Amino acid sequence: MNRKKIITFIALVVVTLGAIAGIKFLSSGSNQGNVAQNNQGNIQLTVSAAASLKEALTEIAPLYSQAKSNTAVRHNFGSSGDLQQQIINGAPVDVFISAAAKQMDQLEKNNLILTETRRNLLSNRLVLIVPADKNDAKNLQDLTNGKIERIAIGDARSVPAGQYAEQALKKLDILAKVQSKFVLGNTVRQVLQFVESGNAQAGIVYATDAKTSPKVKVVEIIDANLHAPIVYPIAVLQKSSNQPNAKSYLEFLSSSTAKDIFQKHGFSPL
């Protein structure tokens, strides 16, 4: 091979290698752009909320994600007391919605929420329920009857509905008479399940919970004067890594869109 051909061959090799390197660079740059876009588009809010809010918040979540296309909502439902304890123990939560002021008060005392974001979002009513095909009780006073042997109630140590229920029974001066009949639920939804299955002849839940099940019926709407006001406070957590988005979520829950859904499920927006 003469010198001219050798030079031409080397030049072709250099050009080819340069083109390949250029393609790799462009490809790498494109992937990096996609990664950055994905990172910006995958913000996830963790919302710990009282179990009674499950249906309403699940319906609201996709509407919020449509309004904020880069944000998804992950729910953690449970008893307010258990959720409060998880937060105290360091669980990564952006927004907390309790079914009573007590749990939020404790978090505020421990400086775990952004105080300026706290507000009362909703209210609810307490009701007495029985299985849909039974009539063993028609009001709270009937719970003292001998034929009522099992009464489902939330564990007052962690379930606000149970705390409200005990307050009402105490105000009527029948708590001591019926306490031995209690079947304790870890959440208000478990109380509902006890009555649905017939494992309890009566139960005390929120009106919104009773509305979710055709297997139970409401026999009494409990007088609100018999217990502390039922409120659902909401706040952003101090350790939230997405505070701007969490605040945006709070605002959305106060929008007319969210209020309509809450009302449909039986809540009263505040």
Foldseek 3Di string as FASTA:
>chain_A
DDPVVVVVVVVVVVVVVVVVVVVVVVVVVVVVVVVVVLVQQAAEAEEEEEQLCVVLVVVCQVVVCVVVVSYGYHYHYFFLQVVLVCVVVPDAHFKYKHFDVVSVVVCVVVVFFDVVFKDWWWFFFKFKKAFPPDPQDQDPVSLLDPVFQAEEAEDCVGHVQNVQVLLLCVLVVCCVSRVNRYDYDRHLLVSVVCRLVVVGGMYMHTPLSVVVDPRMDTNGTRDCVSGDTGTIMMTTTPPHPPNVVSSVVSVSCVDPVSQVSCVVSPIHTD
